[in-house]
Amino acid sequence: METVQKNLETAIAKAAKIIRDGGLVAFPTETVYGLGANALNPVAVAKIFELKERPSFDPLIVHIASFDQLDDLVENVSDAVKLLADKFWPGPLTFVLPKTNKVPEIVTSGLATVGVRMPDNPIALELIRKAGCPIAAPSANKFGRISPTTAMHVKKQLPNVDCIIDGGKTSVGIESTIVFVEGDTCTLLRAGKITIEDIRESLPNNFKVIQHVSGEAISPGLLKSHYSPTKTLRILNSKTETLPEGSGLIVHEQNHILKAFAHKTIVTSPNMDYHQIAANLFSALHTMEDDPEITQIFIQPVEETGLGLALMDRINKAAHQYQK
């Protein structure tokens, strides 16, 4: 495994060659670090599933660097998709669209649709351009574990990856919003920085924008348990809850009453700024997980409005396996 960052242009060129040769590269996007392979090479994509220990039923997102690359990946692009892409690409928005035969079934877990997005990160975009192919890339971590927002988070979980491009800490901090557009309906499959309100405001009034409830996992991020630390994680019920000895506390406001009773406290935002919380959430979980003096983690919830919907999606899934 090689970490490359001193000469970024050379680093990206080397990483692009690894992609072309069928290897795996961990690289930064604006959301989290991705574990990338040539999306059109099924053997290379299989290595993603193997290294992540990811189940084959969980589809991957394909990353592109230009709108023209969509032609090889999807059957048709509706006016609504073009409208949303014009506004939010490059950016943290993934479309689930009918795929072409060029997309290997392993990428889509046998589904007739594929998730595609254009990341808003110059390193990611240049890597895709230099590789000369779309890059399939889930988060660069072990399946079900905390998503990586730094190169060190990747090293911790995937030390055997062929190459890591260190682009510093990611700016958004949580995975992309995922939508499925069909006819006059846009379905929010996974919440992210781009909110359901943002989507509604960007489409004509005749469009219905609804939220996915349950059913077939047609995109990543739909499992009940995900993003989990190796230590017990519990969601605070109230400010008066008693914390056991050795507790780590993650809060989103400077004056939280329980701070004095925690062995270690991380404040993701001094004033409940949801964008700050998103940028620092996974990093806080990694820090607590790595601290040998912390035996269990408690986290403050947020209101499920706007970006809070995405934040509570990540928090609930990270704590799911530990709930009584």
C-alpha atoms as a PDB file:
ATOM      1  CA  MET A   1       0.000   0.000   0.000  1.00  0.00           C
ATOM      2  CA  GLU A   2       1.318   3.428  -0.927  1.00  0.00           C
ATOM      3  CA  THR A   3       0.127   6.770   0.378  1.00  0.00           C
ATOM      4  CA  VAL A   4       0.746   9.543  -2.121  1.00  0.00           C
ATOM      5  CA  GLN A   5       0.409  13.272  -1.553  1.00  0.00           C
ATOM      6  CA  LYS A   6       3.718  15.173  -1.909  1.00  0.00           C
ATOM      7  CA  ASN A   7       3.478  15.507  -5.675  1.00  0.00           C
ATOM      8  CA  LEU A   8      -0.229  15.431  -6.372  1.00  0.00           C
ATOM      9  CA  GLU A   9      -0.012  15.404 -10.159  1.00  0.00           C
ATOM     10  CA  THR A  10       2.357  12.422 -10.108  1.00  0.00           C
ATOM     11  CA  ALA A  11       0.257  10.768  -7.421  1.00  0.00           C
ATOM     12  CA  ILE A  12      -2.933  11.005  -9.465  1.00  0.00           C
ATOM     13  CA  ALA A  13      -1.147   9.699 -12.570  1.00  0.00           C
ATOM     14  CA  LYS A  14       0.149   6.672 -10.648  1.00  0.00           C
ATOM     15  CA  ALA A  15      -3.260   6.059  -9.110  1.00  0.00           C
ATOM     16  CA  ALA A  16      -4.924   6.309 -12.547  1.00  0.00           C
ATOM     17  CA  LYS A  17      -2.566   3.638 -13.884  1.00  0.00           C
ATOM     18  CA  ILE A  18      -3.484   1.387 -10.967  1.00  0.00           C
ATOM     19  CA  ILE A  19      -7.161   1.843 -11.880  1.00  0.00           C
ATOM     20  CA  ARG A  20      -6.466   1.056 -15.560  1.00  0.00           C
ATOM     21  CA  ASP A  21      -4.485  -2.042 -14.537  1.00  0.00           C
ATOM     22  CA  GLY A  22      -7.390  -3.398 -12.501  1.00  0.00           C
ATOM     23  CA  GLY A  23      -6.270  -2.297  -9.038  1.00  0.00           C
ATOM     24  CA  LEU A  24      -7.944  -0.390  -6.222  1.00  0.00           C
ATOM     25  CA  VAL A  25      -7.369   3.238  -5.209  1.00  0.00           C
ATOM     26  CA  ALA A  26      -8.734   5.072  -2.170  1.00  0.00           C
ATOM     27  CA  PHE A  27      -9.326   8.708  -3.034  1.00  0.00           C
ATOM     28  CA  PRO A  28     -11.029  11.769  -1.551  1.00  0.00           C
ATOM     29  CA  THR A  29     -14.366  13.144  -2.665  1.00  0.00           C
ATOM     30  CA  GLU A  30     -16.245  16.008  -1.043  1.00  0.00           C
ATOM     31  CA  THR A  31     -18.407  13.512   0.864  1.00  0.00           C
ATOM     32  CA  VAL A  32     -16.172  10.682   2.147  1.00  0.00           C
ATOM     33  CA  TYR A  33     -13.159   8.776   0.812  1.00  0.00           C
ATOM     34  CA  GLY A  34     -14.051   6.263  -1.893  1.00  0.00           C
ATOM     35  CA  LEU A  35     -12.554   2.873  -2.735  1.00  0.00           C
ATOM     36  CA  GLY A  36     -12.342   2.975  -6.512  1.00  0.00           C
ATOM     37  CA  ALA A  37     -11.974   0.529  -9.389  1.00  0.00           C
ATOM     38  CA  ASN A  38     -12.644   0.652 -13.119  1.00  0.00           C
ATOM     39  CA  ALA A  39     -16.444   0.463 -13.210  1.00  0.00           C
ATOM     40  CA  LEU A  40     -16.396  -1.346 -16.562  1.00  0.00           C
ATOM     41  CA  ASN A  41     -14.018  -4.102 -15.363  1.00  0.00           C
ATOM     42  CA  PRO A  42     -16.000  -6.717 -13.404  1.00  0.00           C
ATOM     43  CA  VAL A  43     -12.853  -8.430 -12.103  1.00  0.00           C
ATOM     44  CA  ALA A  44     -11.570  -5.145 -10.675  1.00  0.00           C
ATOM     45  CA  VAL A  45     -14.969  -4.326  -9.163  1.00  0.00           C
ATOM     46  CA  ALA A  46     -15.037  -7.758  -7.496  1.00  0.00           C
ATOM     47  CA  LYS A  47     -11.899  -6.722  -5.594  1.00  0.00           C
ATOM     48  CA  ILE A  48     -13.880  -3.881  -3.994  1.00  0.00           C
ATOM     49  CA  PHE A  49     -16.394  -6.334  -2.561  1.00  0.00           C
ATOM     50  CA  GLU A  50     -13.590  -8.624  -1.378  1.00  0.00           C
ATOM     51  CA  LEU A  51     -11.494  -5.931   0.335  1.00  0.00           C
ATOM     52  CA  LYS A  52     -14.486  -4.231   1.960  1.00  0.00           C
ATOM     53  CA  GLU A  53     -16.113  -7.578   2.879  1.00  0.00           C
ATOM     54  CA  ARG A  54     -19.202  -6.087   1.275  1.00  0.00           C
ATOM     55  CA  PRO A  55     -22.180  -8.333   0.466  1.00  0.00           C
ATOM     56  CA  SER A  56     -22.856  -8.772  -3.245  1.00  0.00           C
ATOM     57  CA  PHE A  57     -26.470  -7.582  -2.909  1.00  0.00           C
ATOM     58  CA  ASP A  58     -25.384  -4.011  -2.066  1.00  0.00           C
ATOM     59  CA  PRO A  59     -24.912  -2.009  -5.324  1.00  0.00           C
ATOM     60  CA  LEU A  60     -22.135   0.519  -5.939  1.00  0.00           C
ATOM     61  CA  ILE A  61     -22.133   4.131  -7.116  1.00  0.00           C
ATOM     62  CA  VAL A  62     -20.257   4.957 -10.311  1.00  0.00           C
ATOM     63  CA  HIS A  63     -18.343   8.245 -10.415  1.00  0.00           C
ATOM     64  CA  ILE A  64     -17.888  10.271 -13.603  1.00  0.00           C
ATOM     65  CA  ALA A  65     -15.989  13.441 -14.500  1.00  0.00           C
ATOM     66  CA  SER A  66     -18.179  14.762 -17.331  1.00  0.00           C
ATOM     67  CA  PHE A  67     -21.848  14.634 -18.276  1.00  0.00           C
ATOM     68  CA  ASP A  68     -20.914  12.950 -21.570  1.00  0.00           C
ATOM     69  CA  GLN A  69     -19.855   9.814 -19.681  1.00  0.00           C
ATOM     70  CA  LEU A  70     -23.495   9.170 -18.809  1.00  0.00           C
ATOM     71  CA  ASP A  71     -24.133   7.911 -22.353  1.00  0.00           C
ATOM     72  CA  ASP A  72     -22.069   4.772 -21.722  1.00  0.00           C
ATOM     73  CA  LEU A  73     -23.713   4.085 -18.377  1.00  0.00           C
ATOM     74  CA  VAL A  74     -27.430   4.867 -18.601  1.00  0.00           C
ATOM     75  CA  GLU A  75     -30.162   4.290 -21.172  1.00  0.00           C
ATOM     76  CA  ASN A  76     -31.779   7.698 -21.065  1.00  0.00           C
ATOM     77  CA  VAL A  77     -31.509  10.964 -19.184  1.00  0.00           C
ATOM     78  CA  SER A  78     -34.788  12.769 -18.563  1.00  0.00           C
ATOM     79  CA  ASP A  79     -35.204  16.529 -18.543  1.00  0.00           C
ATOM     80  CA  ALA A  80     -35.709  16.381 -14.769  1.00  0.00           C
ATOM     81  CA  VAL A  81     -32.367  14.620 -14.294  1.00  0.00           C
ATOM     82  CA  LYS A  82     -30.668  17.197 -16.521  1.00  0.00           C
ATOM     83  CA  LEU A  83     -32.261  19.983 -14.514  1.00  0.00           C
ATOM     84  CA  LEU A  84     -31.021  18.565 -11.202  1.00  0.00           C
ATOM     85  CA  ALA A  85     -27.591  17.734 -12.612  1.00  0.00           C
ATOM     86  CA  ASP A  86     -27.196  21.264 -13.988  1.00  0.00           C
ATOM     87  CA  LYS A  87     -27.849  22.648 -10.521  1.00  0.00           C
ATOM     88  CA  PHE A  88     -26.065  20.141  -8.267  1.00  0.00           C
ATOM     89  CA  TRP A  89     -23.243  18.584 -10.339  1.00  0.00           C
ATOM     90  CA  PRO A  90     -20.435  18.384  -9.570  1.00  0.00           C
ATOM     91  CA  GLY A  91     -21.740  17.687  -6.079  1.00  0.00           C
ATOM     92  CA  PRO A  92     -23.139  15.218  -3.553  1.00  0.00           C
ATOM     93  CA  LEU A  93     -26.137  14.035  -5.582  1.00  0.00           C
ATOM     94  CA  THR A  94     -26.433  10.506  -7.004  1.00  0.00           C
ATOM     95  CA  PHE A  95     -29.011   9.508  -9.616  1.00  0.00           C
ATOM     96  CA  VAL A  96     -30.309   5.943  -9.898  1.00  0.00           C
ATOM     97  CA  LEU A  97     -31.076   5.419 -13.596  1.00  0.00           C
ATOM     98  CA  PRO A  98     -31.690   2.518 -16.035  1.00  0.00           C
ATOM     99  CA  LYS A  99     -28.285   1.096 -16.940  1.00  0.00           C
ATOM    100  CA  THR A 100     -26.781   0.129 -20.282  1.00  0.00           C
ATOM    101  CA  ASN A 101     -25.293  -3.280 -21.031  1.00  0.00           C
ATOM    102  CA  LYS A 102     -21.814  -1.782 -20.653  1.00  0.00           C
ATOM    103  CA  VAL A 103     -22.248  -1.648 -16.877  1.00  0.00           C
ATOM    104  CA  PRO A 104     -21.301  -5.025 -15.344  1.00  0.00           C
ATOM    105  CA  GLU A 105     -23.985  -6.658 -13.223  1.00  0.00           C
ATOM    106  CA  ILE A 106     -21.614  -6.882 -10.262  1.00  0.00           C
ATOM    107  CA  VAL A 107     -21.671  -3.067 -10.052  1.00  0.00           C
ATOM    108  CA  THR A 108     -25.465  -2.966  -9.754  1.00  0.00           C
ATOM    109  CA  SER A 109     -25.926  -6.218  -7.810  1.00  0.00           C
ATOM    110  CA  GLY A 110     -27.933  -7.549 -10.756  1.00  0.00           C
ATOM    111  CA  LEU A 111     -30.357  -4.625 -10.788  1.00  0.00           C
ATOM    112  CA  ALA A 112     -31.470  -2.917 -13.998  1.00  0.00           C
ATOM    113  CA  THR A 113     -30.439   0.480 -12.606  1.00  0.00           C
ATOM    114  CA  VAL A 114     -27.114   2.078 -11.717  1.00  0.00           C
ATOM    115  CA  GLY A 115     -26.219   4.894  -9.324  1.00  0.00           C
ATOM    116  CA  VAL A 116     -24.131   7.674 -10.915  1.00  0.00           C
ATOM    117  CA  ARG A 117     -22.687  10.919  -9.610  1.00  0.00           C
ATOM    118  CA  MET A 118     -20.066  13.546 -10.442  1.00  0.00           C
ATOM    119  CA  PRO A 119     -18.010  14.350  -7.310  1.00  0.00           C
ATOM    120  CA  ASP A 120     -17.142  17.927  -6.406  1.00  0.00           C
ATOM    121  CA  ASN A 121     -13.479  17.306  -5.652  1.00  0.00           C
ATOM    122  CA  PRO A 122     -10.625  18.220  -8.023  1.00  0.00           C
ATOM    123  CA  ILE A 123      -8.566  15.152  -7.074  1.00  0.00           C
ATOM    124  CA  ALA A 124     -11.462  12.788  -7.738  1.00  0.00           C
ATOM    125  CA  LEU A 125     -12.330  14.443 -11.046  1.00  0.00           C
ATOM    126  CA  GLU A 126      -8.736  14.421 -12.268  1.00  0.00           C
ATOM    127  CA  LEU A 127      -8.326  10.767 -11.244  1.00  0.00           C
ATOM    128  CA  ILE A 128     -11.396   9.801 -13.296  1.00  0.00           C
ATOM    129  CA  ARG A 129     -10.173  11.812 -16.286  1.00  0.00           C
ATOM    130  CA  LYS A 130      -6.650  10.370 -16.171  1.00  0.00           C
ATOM    131  CA  ALA A 131      -7.912   6.808 -15.632  1.00  0.00           C
ATOM    132  CA  GLY A 132     -10.020   7.195 -18.774  1.00  0.00           C
ATOM    133  CA  CYS A 133     -12.974   5.316 -17.327  1.00  0.00           C
ATOM    134  CA  PRO A 134     -15.831   5.760 -14.874  1.00  0.00           C
ATOM    135  CA  ILE A 135     -14.865   4.666 -11.367  1.00  0.00           C
ATOM    136  CA  ALA A 136     -17.090   2.519  -9.163  1.00  0.00           C
ATOM    137  CA  ALA A 137     -16.455   3.607  -5.584  1.00  0.00           C
ATOM    138  CA  PRO A 138     -18.252   2.902  -2.330  1.00  0.00           C
ATOM    139  CA  SER A 139     -16.813   4.350   0.884  1.00  0.00           C
ATOM    140  CA  ALA A 140     -13.251   3.214   1.606  1.00  0.00           C
ATOM    141  CA  ASN A 141     -13.944   1.256   4.789  1.00  0.00           C
ATOM    142  CA  LYS A 142     -14.918  -2.206   5.930  1.00  0.00           C
ATOM    143  CA  PHE A 143     -18.585  -2.894   5.233  1.00  0.00           C
ATOM    144  CA  GLY A 144     -20.888  -1.554   7.936  1.00  0.00           C
ATOM    145  CA  ARG A 145     -18.123   0.366   9.725  1.00  0.00           C
ATOM    146  CA  ILE A 146     -17.589   4.119  10.175  1.00  0.00           C
ATOM    147  CA  SER A 147     -17.146   5.957   6.897  1.00  0.00           C
ATOM    148  CA  PRO A 148     -13.698   7.530   6.294  1.00  0.00           C
ATOM    149  CA  THR A 149     -13.269  11.286   6.052  1.00  0.00           C
ATOM    150  CA  THR A 150      -9.430  11.276   6.158  1.00  0.00           C
ATOM    151  CA  ALA A 151      -6.702   9.123   4.639  1.00  0.00           C
ATOM    152  CA  MET A 152      -5.839   7.874   8.141  1.00  0.00           C
ATOM    153  CA  HIS A 153      -9.370   6.493   8.527  1.00  0.00           C
ATOM    154  CA  VAL A 154      -8.799   4.534   5.313  1.00  0.00           C
ATOM    155  CA  LYS A 155      -5.424   3.204   6.499  1.00  0.00           C
ATOM    156  CA  LYS A 156      -6.989   2.018   9.740  1.00  0.00           C
ATOM    157  CA  GLN A 157      -9.584  -0.162   8.044  1.00  0.00           C
ATOM    158  CA  LEU A 158      -8.066  -0.976   4.634  1.00  0.00           C
ATOM    159  CA  PRO A 159      -4.276  -1.187   5.096  1.00  0.00           C
ATOM    160  CA  ASN A 160      -3.902  -3.460   2.062  1.00  0.00           C
ATOM    161  CA  VAL A 161      -5.434  -1.163  -0.557  1.00  0.00           C
ATOM    162  CA  ASP A 162      -3.105  -0.636  -3.533  1.00  0.00           C
ATOM    163  CA  CYS A 163      -2.918   3.146  -3.168  1.00  0.00           C
ATOM    164  CA  ILE A 164      -4.323   5.999  -1.072  1.00  0.00           C
ATOM    165  CA  ILE A 165      -4.406   9.560  -2.337  1.00  0.00           C
ATOM    166  CA  ASP A 166      -4.334  11.829   0.707  1.00  0.00           C
ATOM    167  CA  GLY A 167      -6.479  14.850  -0.059  1.00  0.00           C
ATOM    168  CA  GLY A 168      -6.989  15.945   3.531  1.00  0.00           C
ATOM    169  CA  LYS A 169     -10.287  15.930   5.386  1.00  0.00           C
ATOM    170  CA  THR A 170     -13.420  15.783   3.265  1.00  0.00           C
ATOM    171  CA  SER A 171     -15.577  18.919   3.305  1.00  0.00           C
ATOM    172  CA  VAL A 172     -19.151  17.537   3.383  1.00  0.00           C
ATOM    173  CA  GLY A 173     -18.461  14.558   5.626  1.00  0.00           C
ATOM    174  CA  ILE A 174     -21.478  12.343   4.888  1.00  0.00           C
ATOM    175  CA  GLU A 175     -22.400  10.328   1.809  1.00  0.00           C
ATOM    176  CA  SER A 176     -24.283  11.757  -1.162  1.00  0.00           C
ATOM    177  CA  THR A 177     -28.015  12.236  -1.485  1.00  0.00           C
ATOM    178  CA  ILE A 178     -29.485   9.521  -3.740  1.00  0.00           C
ATOM    179  CA  VAL A 179     -32.615  10.007  -5.863  1.00  0.00           C
ATOM    180  CA  PHE A 180     -34.563   7.855  -8.312  1.00  0.00           C
ATOM    181  CA  VAL A 181     -36.364   9.840 -11.006  1.00  0.00           C
ATOM    182  CA  GLU A 182     -39.123   8.110 -12.976  1.00  0.00           C
ATOM    183  CA  GLY A 183     -41.846   9.903 -14.920  1.00  0.00           C
ATOM    184  CA  ASP A 184     -43.105  12.825 -12.840  1.00  0.00           C
ATOM    185  CA  THR A 185     -41.903  11.356  -9.532  1.00  0.00           C
ATOM    186  CA  CYS A 186     -38.572  11.846  -7.778  1.00  0.00           C
ATOM    187  CA  THR A 187     -37.957   9.469  -4.876  1.00  0.00           C
ATOM    188  CA  LEU A 188     -35.393  10.286  -2.202  1.00  0.00           C
ATOM    189  CA  LEU A 189     -33.588   7.000  -1.521  1.00  0.00           C
ATOM    190  CA  ARG A 190     -30.865   8.279   0.812  1.00  0.00           C
ATOM    191  CA  ALA A 191     -30.729  11.654   2.526  1.00  0.00           C
ATOM    192  CA  GLY A 192     -27.580  13.760   2.262  1.00  0.00           C
ATOM    193  CA  LYS A 193     -26.375  17.355   2.170  1.00  0.00           C
ATOM    194  CA  ILE A 194     -28.755  18.107  -0.698  1.00  0.00           C
ATOM    195  CA  THR A 195     -32.084  17.925   1.120  1.00  0.00           C
ATOM    196  CA  ILE A 196     -35.510  16.833  -0.025  1.00  0.00           C
ATOM    197  CA  GLU A 197     -36.506  20.510   0.161  1.00  0.00           C
ATOM    198  CA  ASP A 198     -33.620  21.395  -2.180  1.00  0.00           C
ATOM    199  CA  ILE A 199     -34.885  18.781  -4.649  1.00  0.00           C
ATOM    200  CA  ARG A 200     -38.480  20.039  -4.477  1.00  0.00           C
ATOM    201  CA  GLU A 201     -37.415  23.634  -5.066  1.00  0.00           C
ATOM    202  CA  SER A 202     -35.381  22.603  -8.120  1.00  0.00           C
ATOM    203  CA  LEU A 203     -38.114  20.702  -9.991  1.00  0.00           C
ATOM    204  CA  PRO A 204     -41.282  21.951 -11.709  1.00  0.00           C
ATOM    205  CA  ASN A 205     -44.437  22.091  -9.583  1.00  0.00           C
ATOM    206  CA  ASN A 206     -45.967  19.111 -11.394  1.00  0.00           C
ATOM    207  CA  PHE A 207     -43.277  16.811  -9.955  1.00  0.00           C
ATOM    208  CA  LYS A 208     -43.953  14.695  -6.890  1.00  0.00           C
ATOM    209  CA  VAL A 209     -40.967  14.424  -4.568  1.00  0.00           C
ATOM    210  CA  ILE A 210     -41.384  11.588  -2.075  1.00  0.00           C
ATOM    211  CA  GLN A 211     -39.232   9.710   0.402  1.00  0.00           C
ATOM    212  CA  HIS A 212     -38.382   6.017   0.065  1.00  0.00           C
ATOM    213  CA  VAL A 213     -39.844   4.041   2.975  1.00  0.00           C
ATOM    214  CA  SER A 214     -38.852   0.402   2.636  1.00  0.00           C
ATOM    215  CA  GLY A 215     -38.494  -2.461   0.205  1.00  0.00           C
ATOM    216  CA  GLU A 216     -35.808  -3.538  -2.251  1.00  0.00           C
ATOM    217  CA  ALA A 217     -32.316  -2.109  -1.703  1.00  0.00           C
ATOM    218  CA  ILE A 218     -32.012  -0.360  -5.072  1.00  0.00           C
ATOM    219  CA  SER A 219     -29.155   1.867  -3.902  1.00  0.00           C
ATOM    220  CA  PRO A 220     -26.422   1.941  -1.245  1.00  0.00           C
ATOM    221  CA  GLY A 221     -27.251   3.177   2.239  1.00  0.00           C
ATOM    222  CA  LEU A 222     -30.632   1.494   2.659  1.00  0.00           C
ATOM    223  CA  LEU A 223     -29.654  -1.121   5.261  1.00  0.00           C
ATOM    224  CA  LYS A 224     -30.815  -0.668   8.870  1.00  0.00           C
ATOM    225  CA  SER A 225     -27.333  -1.044  10.355  1.00  0.00           C
ATOM    226  CA  HIS A 226     -24.395   0.843   8.878  1.00  0.00           C
ATOM    227  CA  TYR A 227     -21.591   3.314   9.739  1.00  0.00           C
ATOM    228  CA  SER A 228     -21.065   1.532  13.089  1.00  0.00           C
ATOM    229  CA  PRO A 229     -18.110   1.915  15.471  1.00  0.00           C
ATOM    230  CA  THR A 230     -16.640  -1.198  17.116  1.00  0.00           C
ATOM    231  CA  LYS A 231     -17.684   0.184  20.519  1.00  0.00           C
ATOM    232  CA  THR A 232     -21.252   0.420  21.772  1.00  0.00           C
ATOM    233  CA  LEU A 233     -22.967   3.557  20.523  1.00  0.00           C
ATOM    234  CA  ARG A 234     -26.132   4.870  22.137  1.00  0.00           C
ATOM    235  CA  ILE A 235     -28.293   7.862  21.294  1.00  0.00           C
ATOM    236  CA  LEU A 236     -28.988  10.191  24.233  1.00  0.00           C
ATOM    237  CA  ASN A 237     -32.608  10.252  25.365  1.00  0.00           C
ATOM    238  CA  SER A 238     -32.359  13.492  27.348  1.00  0.00           C
ATOM    239  CA  LYS A 239     -29.899  15.954  28.871  1.00  0.00           C
ATOM    240  CA  THR A 240     -30.415  14.362  32.306  1.00  0.00           C
ATOM    241  CA  GLU A 241     -29.300  10.871  31.285  1.00  0.00           C
ATOM    242  CA  THR A 242     -26.559   9.389  33.517  1.00  0.00           C
ATOM    243  CA  LEU A 243     -23.312   8.445  31.768  1.00  0.00           C
ATOM    244  CA  PRO A 244     -21.431   5.298  32.875  1.00  0.00           C
ATOM    245  CA  GLU A 245     -17.728   5.412  33.683  1.00  0.00           C
ATOM    246  CA  GLY A 246     -15.488   5.500  30.612  1.00  0.00           C
ATOM    247  CA  SER A 247     -18.119   7.152  28.443  1.00  0.00           C
ATOM    248  CA  GLY A 248     -17.314   9.187  25.367  1.00  0.00           C
ATOM    249  CA  LEU A 249     -19.826  11.904  24.538  1.00  0.00           C
ATOM    250  CA  ILE A 250     -20.447  13.468  21.119  1.00  0.00           C
ATOM    251  CA  VAL A 251     -22.559  16.630  21.263  1.00  0.00           C
ATOM    252  CA  HIS A 252     -23.488  19.340  18.792  1.00  0.00           C
ATOM    253  CA  GLU A 253     -23.629  22.400  21.042  1.00  0.00           C
ATOM    254  CA  GLN A 254     -20.997  23.945  23.289  1.00  0.00           C
ATOM    255  CA  ASN A 255     -23.160  24.207  26.429  1.00  0.00           C
ATOM    256  CA  HIS A 256     -24.503  20.641  26.603  1.00  0.00           C
ATOM    257  CA  ILE A 257     -25.225  19.817  30.251  1.00  0.00           C
ATOM    258  CA  LEU A 258     -23.656  16.321  30.233  1.00  0.00           C
ATOM    259  CA  LYS A 259     -20.200  17.446  29.110  1.00  0.00           C
ATOM    260  CA  ALA A 260     -18.856  17.545  32.666  1.00  0.00           C
ATOM    261  CA  PHE A 261     -19.844  13.927  33.308  1.00  0.00           C
ATOM    262  CA  ALA A 262     -18.167  12.364  30.275  1.00  0.00           C
ATOM    263  CA  HIS A 263     -14.638  10.944  30.309  1.00  0.00           C
ATOM    264  CA  LYS A 264     -14.121  12.553  26.909  1.00  0.00           C
ATOM    265  CA  THR A 265     -16.320  14.962  24.979  1.00  0.00           C
ATOM    266  CA  ILE A 266     -16.216  15.974  21.329  1.00  0.00           C
ATOM    267  CA  VAL A 267     -18.251  18.981  20.197  1.00  0.00           C
ATOM    268  CA  THR A 268     -19.018  18.685  16.486  1.00  0.00           C
ATOM    269  CA  SER A 269     -20.470  22.210  16.353  1.00  0.00           C
ATOM    270  CA  PRO A 270     -20.662  24.911  19.019  1.00  0.00           C
ATOM    271  CA  ASN A 271     -24.127  26.057  17.966  1.00  0.00           C
ATOM    272  CA  MET A 272     -25.939  23.105  16.336  1.00  0.00           C
ATOM    273  CA  ASP A 273     -24.819  24.019  12.808  1.00  0.00           C
ATOM    274  CA  TYR A 274     -25.904  20.974  10.789  1.00  0.00           C
ATOM    275  CA  HIS A 275     -23.247  21.455   8.099  1.00  0.00           C
ATOM    276  CA  GLN A 276     -20.517  21.527  10.748  1.00  0.00           C
ATOM    277  CA  ILE A 277     -22.007  18.440  12.397  1.00  0.00           C
ATOM    278  CA  ALA A 278     -22.018  16.581   9.076  1.00  0.00           C
ATOM    279  CA  ALA A 279     -18.391  17.504   8.381  1.00  0.00           C
ATOM    280  CA  ASN A 280     -17.268  16.271  11.833  1.00  0.00           C
ATOM    281  CA  LEU A 281     -19.638  13.383  12.616  1.00  0.00           C
ATOM    282  CA  PHE A 282     -17.665  10.395  11.281  1.00  0.00           C
ATOM    283  CA  SER A 283     -14.352  11.887  12.444  1.00  0.00           C
ATOM    284  CA  ALA A 284     -15.752  12.140  15.983  1.00  0.00           C
ATOM    285  CA  LEU A 285     -16.852   8.508  15.879  1.00  0.00           C
ATOM    286  CA  HIS A 286     -13.400   7.428  14.655  1.00  0.00           C
ATOM    287  CA  THR A 287     -11.712   9.389  17.468  1.00  0.00           C
ATOM    288  CA  MET A 288     -13.901   7.767  20.123  1.00  0.00           C
ATOM    289  CA  GLU A 289     -13.401   4.329  18.588  1.00  0.00           C
ATOM    290  CA  ASP A 290      -9.613   4.750  18.656  1.00  0.00           C
ATOM    291  CA  ASP A 291      -9.402   5.975  22.265  1.00  0.00           C
ATOM    292  CA  PRO A 292      -8.500   2.992  24.526  1.00  0.00           C
ATOM    293  CA  GLU A 293      -9.950   4.740  27.594  1.00  0.00           C
ATOM    294  CA  ILE A 294     -13.434   4.981  26.051  1.00  0.00           C
ATOM    295  CA  THR A 295     -15.615   1.914  26.630  1.00  0.00           C
ATOM    296  CA  GLN A 296     -18.859   3.163  25.107  1.00  0.00           C
ATOM    297  CA  ILE A 297     -20.051   6.176  23.145  1.00  0.00           C
ATOM    298  CA  PHE A 298     -23.094   8.394  23.596  1.00  0.00           C
ATOM    299  CA  ILE A 299     -24.276  10.816  20.935  1.00  0.00           C
ATOM    300  CA  GLN A 300     -26.734  13.679  20.972  1.00  0.00           C
ATOM    301  CA  PRO A 301     -29.535  13.475  18.379  1.00  0.00           C
ATOM    302  CA  VAL A 302     -30.666  16.337  16.139  1.00  0.00           C
ATOM    303  CA  GLU A 303     -34.043  17.331  14.768  1.00  0.00           C
ATOM    304  CA  GLU A 304     -34.986  15.481  11.571  1.00  0.00           C
ATOM    305  CA  THR A 305     -35.530  18.566   9.446  1.00  0.00           C
ATOM    306  CA  GLY A 306     -33.483  19.631   6.426  1.00  0.00           C
ATOM    307  CA  LEU A 307     -29.956  18.242   6.686  1.00  0.00           C
ATOM    308  CA  GLY A 308     -30.942  16.794  10.076  1.00  0.00           C
ATOM    309  CA  LEU A 309     -32.768  14.032   8.199  1.00  0.00           C
ATOM    310  CA  ALA A 310     -29.453  12.839   6.760  1.00  0.00           C
ATOM    311  CA  LEU A 311     -27.633  13.240  10.074  1.00  0.00           C
ATOM    312  CA  MET A 312     -30.169  11.152  11.995  1.00  0.00           C
ATOM    313  CA  ASP A 313     -30.124   8.557   9.201  1.00  0.00           C
ATOM    314  CA  ARG A 314     -26.379   8.094   9.839  1.00  0.00           C
ATOM    315  CA  ILE A 315     -26.696   8.249  13.632  1.00  0.00           C
ATOM    316  CA  ASN A 316     -29.606   5.805  13.808  1.00  0.00           C
ATOM    317  CA  LYS A 317     -27.875   3.314  11.540  1.00  0.00           C
ATOM    318  CA  ALA A 318     -24.570   3.626  13.391  1.00  0.00           C
ATOM    319  CA  ALA A 319     -26.327   2.895  16.707  1.00  0.00           C
ATOM    320  CA  HIS A 320     -28.828   0.330  15.365  1.00  0.00           C
ATOM    321  CA  GLN A 321     -26.975  -2.859  16.339  1.00  0.00           C
ATOM    322  CA  TYR A 322     -26.406  -1.541  19.880  1.00  0.00           C
ATOM    323  CA  GLN A 323     -29.968  -0.524  20.706  1.00  0.00           C
ATOM    324  CA  LYS A 324     -31.718  -2.563  23.409  1.00  0.00           C
END
